Protein backbone atom coordinates (compact mmCIF):
# COMPACT_ATOMS: atom_id res chain seq x y z
CA UNK A 1 0.00 0.00 0.00
CA UNK A 2 2.80 2.44 0.81
CA UNK A 3 4.25 2.16 -2.67
CA UNK A 4 0.92 2.57 -4.44
CA UNK A 5 0.84 -1.01 -5.71
CA UNK A 6 0.50 -4.50 -4.25
CA UNK A 7 3.72 -6.36 -3.48
CA UNK A 8 4.54 -9.30 -1.24
CA UNK A 9 6.77 -7.98 1.58
CA UNK A 10 8.45 -10.64 3.70
CA UNK A 11 10.68 -10.13 6.72
CA UNK A 12 13.37 -12.68 7.56
CA UNK A 13 15.01 -12.66 10.99
CA UNK A 14 18.78 -13.21 10.89
CA UNK A 15 20.06 -14.18 14.36
CA UNK A 16 23.76 -14.13 15.23
CA UNK A 17 23.41 -17.11 17.56
CA UNK A 18 22.68 -19.74 14.89
CA UNK A 19 21.91 -20.34 11.23
CA UNK A 20 18.22 -19.47 10.88
CA UNK A 21 17.92 -21.72 7.84
CA UNK A 22 18.55 -24.76 10.08
CA UNK A 23 14.88 -24.88 10.97
CA UNK A 24 15.21 -24.97 14.79
CA UNK A 25 12.04 -23.46 16.25
CA UNK A 26 11.79 -25.21 19.62
CA UNK A 27 12.56 -22.83 22.49
CA UNK A 28 14.81 -25.37 24.21
CA UNK A 29 16.81 -26.02 21.04
CA UNK A 30 17.19 -22.31 20.35
CA UNK A 31 18.34 -21.72 23.94
CA UNK A 32 20.99 -24.44 23.53
CA UNK A 33 22.17 -22.99 20.21
CA UNK A 34 22.44 -19.53 21.74
CA UNK A 35 24.38 -20.78 24.79
CA UNK A 36 26.80 -22.73 22.56
CA UNK A 37 27.40 -19.67 20.37
CA UNK A 38 28.05 -17.45 23.41
CA UNK A 39 30.62 -19.97 24.72
CA UNK A 40 32.24 -20.17 21.29
CA UNK A 41 32.50 -16.38 20.92
CA UNK A 42 33.52 -15.60 24.52
CA UNK A 43 37.29 -15.36 23.86
CA UNK A 44 36.71 -13.01 20.91
CA UNK A 45 34.26 -10.92 22.95
CA UNK A 46 36.78 -10.54 25.78
CA UNK A 47 39.47 -9.55 23.27
CA UNK A 48 37.20 -7.07 21.49
CA UNK A 49 35.61 -5.72 24.68
CA UNK A 50 32.11 -5.95 23.18
CA UNK A 51 29.31 -8.50 22.91
CA UNK A 52 29.36 -10.12 19.48
CA UNK A 53 26.35 -12.42 19.90
CA UNK A 54 22.80 -11.56 20.92
CA UNK A 55 19.64 -9.78 19.85
CA UNK A 56 21.45 -6.43 19.60
CA UNK A 57 23.58 -7.96 16.81
CA UNK A 58 20.72 -9.71 15.03
CA UNK A 59 19.33 -8.31 11.81
CA UNK A 60 16.37 -8.43 9.45
CA UNK A 61 16.27 -9.02 5.72
CA UNK A 62 13.44 -7.44 3.75
CA UNK A 63 12.26 -9.39 0.71
CA UNK A 64 9.84 -7.88 -1.83
CA UNK A 65 8.39 -10.40 -4.26
CA UNK A 66 11.32 -12.70 -3.38
CA UNK A 67 13.99 -10.05 -4.04
CA UNK A 68 16.40 -9.06 -1.25
CA UNK A 69 16.02 -5.28 -0.81
CA UNK A 70 19.43 -4.92 0.85
CA UNK A 71 21.16 -6.21 -2.26
CA UNK A 72 18.82 -5.13 -5.05
CA UNK A 73 16.43 -2.51 -3.70
CA UNK A 74 16.68 1.24 -4.18
CA UNK A 75 17.10 3.51 -1.15
CA UNK A 76 13.46 4.52 -1.55
CA UNK A 77 12.31 0.88 -1.55
CA UNK A 78 14.41 0.16 1.53
CA UNK A 79 12.93 3.17 3.28
CA UNK A 80 9.38 2.10 2.39
CA UNK A 81 10.04 -1.40 3.79
CA UNK A 82 11.31 -0.02 7.11
CA UNK A 83 8.36 2.36 7.29
CA UNK A 84 5.92 -0.51 6.62
CA UNK A 85 7.53 -2.35 9.57
CA UNK A 86 7.16 0.71 11.81
CA UNK A 87 3.49 1.14 10.91
CA UNK A 88 2.89 -2.59 11.50
CA UNK A 89 4.58 -2.29 14.91
CA UNK A 90 2.32 0.63 15.81
CA UNK A 91 -0.75 -1.36 14.74
CA UNK A 92 0.40 -4.37 16.80
CA UNK A 93 0.96 -2.16 19.86
CA UNK A 94 -2.54 -0.65 19.48
CA UNK A 95 -4.09 -4.14 19.41
CA UNK A 96 -2.06 -5.42 22.36
CA UNK A 97 -2.36 -2.41 24.67
CA UNK A 98 -5.56 -0.79 23.39
CA UNK A 99 -3.61 2.47 23.49
CA UNK A 100 -2.45 4.63 20.61
CA UNK A 101 1.37 4.79 20.38
CA UNK A 102 3.12 7.99 19.36
CA UNK A 103 4.87 7.47 16.04
CA UNK A 104 8.20 9.25 15.49
CA UNK A 105 9.28 9.43 11.82
CA UNK A 106 12.57 11.16 11.05
CA UNK A 107 12.94 12.56 7.52
CA UNK A 108 10.95 9.72 5.96
CA UNK A 109 10.15 11.51 2.69
CA UNK A 110 13.62 12.54 1.53
CA UNK A 111 14.27 9.66 -0.88
CA UNK A 112 10.74 9.07 -2.11
CA UNK A 113 9.15 10.33 -5.30
CA UNK A 114 6.11 12.62 -4.95
CA UNK A 115 3.54 9.86 -5.58
CA UNK A 116 5.00 7.57 -2.89
CA UNK A 117 5.22 10.53 -0.49
CA UNK A 118 1.46 10.87 -0.83
CA UNK A 119 0.85 7.19 -0.02
CA UNK A 120 3.21 7.34 2.97
CA UNK A 121 1.61 10.47 4.40
CA UNK A 122 -1.87 8.99 3.97
CA UNK A 123 -0.84 5.91 5.98
CA UNK A 124 1.09 7.86 8.61
CA UNK A 125 -1.86 10.20 9.06
CA UNK A 126 -4.04 7.25 10.11
CA UNK A 127 -1.52 6.07 12.70
CA UNK A 128 -2.64 8.44 15.47
CA UNK A 129 -0.32 11.05 16.93
CA UNK A 130 2.67 11.23 14.61
CA UNK A 131 5.78 13.42 14.75
CA UNK A 132 7.47 13.84 11.38
CA UNK A 133 10.69 15.76 10.82
CA UNK A 134 11.47 17.39 7.48
CA UNK A 135 13.66 20.01 5.89
CA UNK A 136 11.04 20.89 3.27
CA UNK A 137 7.37 21.57 4.05
CA UNK A 138 6.67 21.46 0.32
CA UNK A 139 6.75 17.65 0.61
CA UNK A 140 3.43 17.83 2.48
CA UNK A 141 -0.01 18.57 1.06
CA UNK A 142 -2.00 21.62 2.17
CA UNK A 143 -4.68 19.43 3.75
CA UNK A 144 -2.18 17.67 6.02
CA UNK A 145 -0.39 20.93 6.88
CA UNK A 146 -3.67 22.60 7.81
CA UNK A 147 -4.32 19.82 10.36
CA UNK A 148 -0.73 19.66 11.63
CA UNK A 149 1.03 21.59 14.34
CA UNK A 150 4.22 22.92 12.77
CA UNK A 151 7.27 23.68 14.87
CA UNK A 152 10.46 25.08 13.40
CA UNK A 153 13.77 24.02 14.97
CA UNK A 154 16.74 26.30 14.38
CA UNK A 155 19.93 26.48 16.41
CA UNK A 156 18.28 24.60 19.25
CA UNK A 157 15.27 26.91 19.43
CA UNK A 158 11.70 25.65 18.90
CA UNK A 159 9.26 28.12 17.38
CA UNK A 160 5.61 27.26 16.62
CA UNK A 161 4.52 28.31 13.13
CA UNK A 162 1.12 28.95 11.67
CA UNK A 163 0.21 27.13 8.48
CA UNK A 164 0.06 29.57 5.59
CA UNK A 165 -2.15 28.22 2.80
CA UNK A 166 -0.08 30.16 0.26
CA UNK A 167 3.03 28.18 1.19
CA UNK A 168 1.81 25.04 -0.53
CA UNK A 169 -0.50 25.31 -3.49
CA UNK A 170 0.06 21.93 -5.12
CA UNK A 171 -2.49 19.15 -5.46
CA UNK A 172 -2.94 16.83 -2.44
CA UNK A 173 -1.60 13.29 -1.99
CA UNK A 174 1.94 14.06 -3.10
CA UNK A 175 1.16 14.57 -6.78
CA UNK A 176 4.11 16.11 -8.59
CA UNK A 177 3.94 19.87 -9.06
CA UNK A 178 6.21 22.90 -9.21
CA UNK A 179 5.98 25.02 -6.04
CA UNK A 180 5.39 28.74 -6.55
CA UNK A 181 8.56 30.83 -6.74
CA UNK A 182 7.43 32.88 -3.72
CA UNK A 183 7.76 29.74 -1.61
CA UNK A 184 11.45 29.51 -2.50
CA UNK A 185 12.09 33.11 -1.49
CA UNK A 186 10.20 32.70 1.78
CA UNK A 187 11.94 29.42 2.57
CA UNK A 188 15.40 30.82 1.85
CA UNK A 189 15.03 33.91 4.01
CA UNK A 190 16.93 33.70 7.31
CA UNK A 191 14.68 32.82 10.22
CA UNK A 192 14.77 34.91 13.35
CA UNK A 193 13.28 33.43 16.50
CA UNK A 194 11.24 35.74 18.69
CA UNK A 195 13.13 34.24 21.65
CA UNK A 196 16.39 35.69 20.32
CA UNK A 197 15.13 39.22 19.64
CA UNK A 198 15.00 42.04 22.07
């Protein structure tokens, strides 16, 4: 859904304690495999001064239609896969706790084309309270900006901003468009916080 078309996204867990392709799923067998791997790696861990085995070293592999995204996916596809996982985590937490989690999304739109930005924002907007960082408000549609609380961060100072409907005149849902030239001039002007004046 995030990419605007249907694809089969699979997530493979890659533990450092054993070969996941071995097929061990019994808790007792996995515990034994983990303990054996820790014993095996202990001399190297002592030498390195860090833990080399454990969940903090485990990884995931994203597969889309059977293709490994790490090896063959674009940066945008990789970003969409991670975002899909985050949204699924939020949905799981809602079902388990019956509470709405706060979703923090850092610069999620930077490597996406305008159409995919629209799909991502539509999904993120349904996820409850969501904090999204960006360097360019022109990536967001007027409808979303009119419902959002915008805070500018500059040199460690937070300044609330009002949404100006003239700042973004493009069509909604991330459709490609050329922003008005006045937006460029406004965006490039130096920002002066009211907290620093006086």
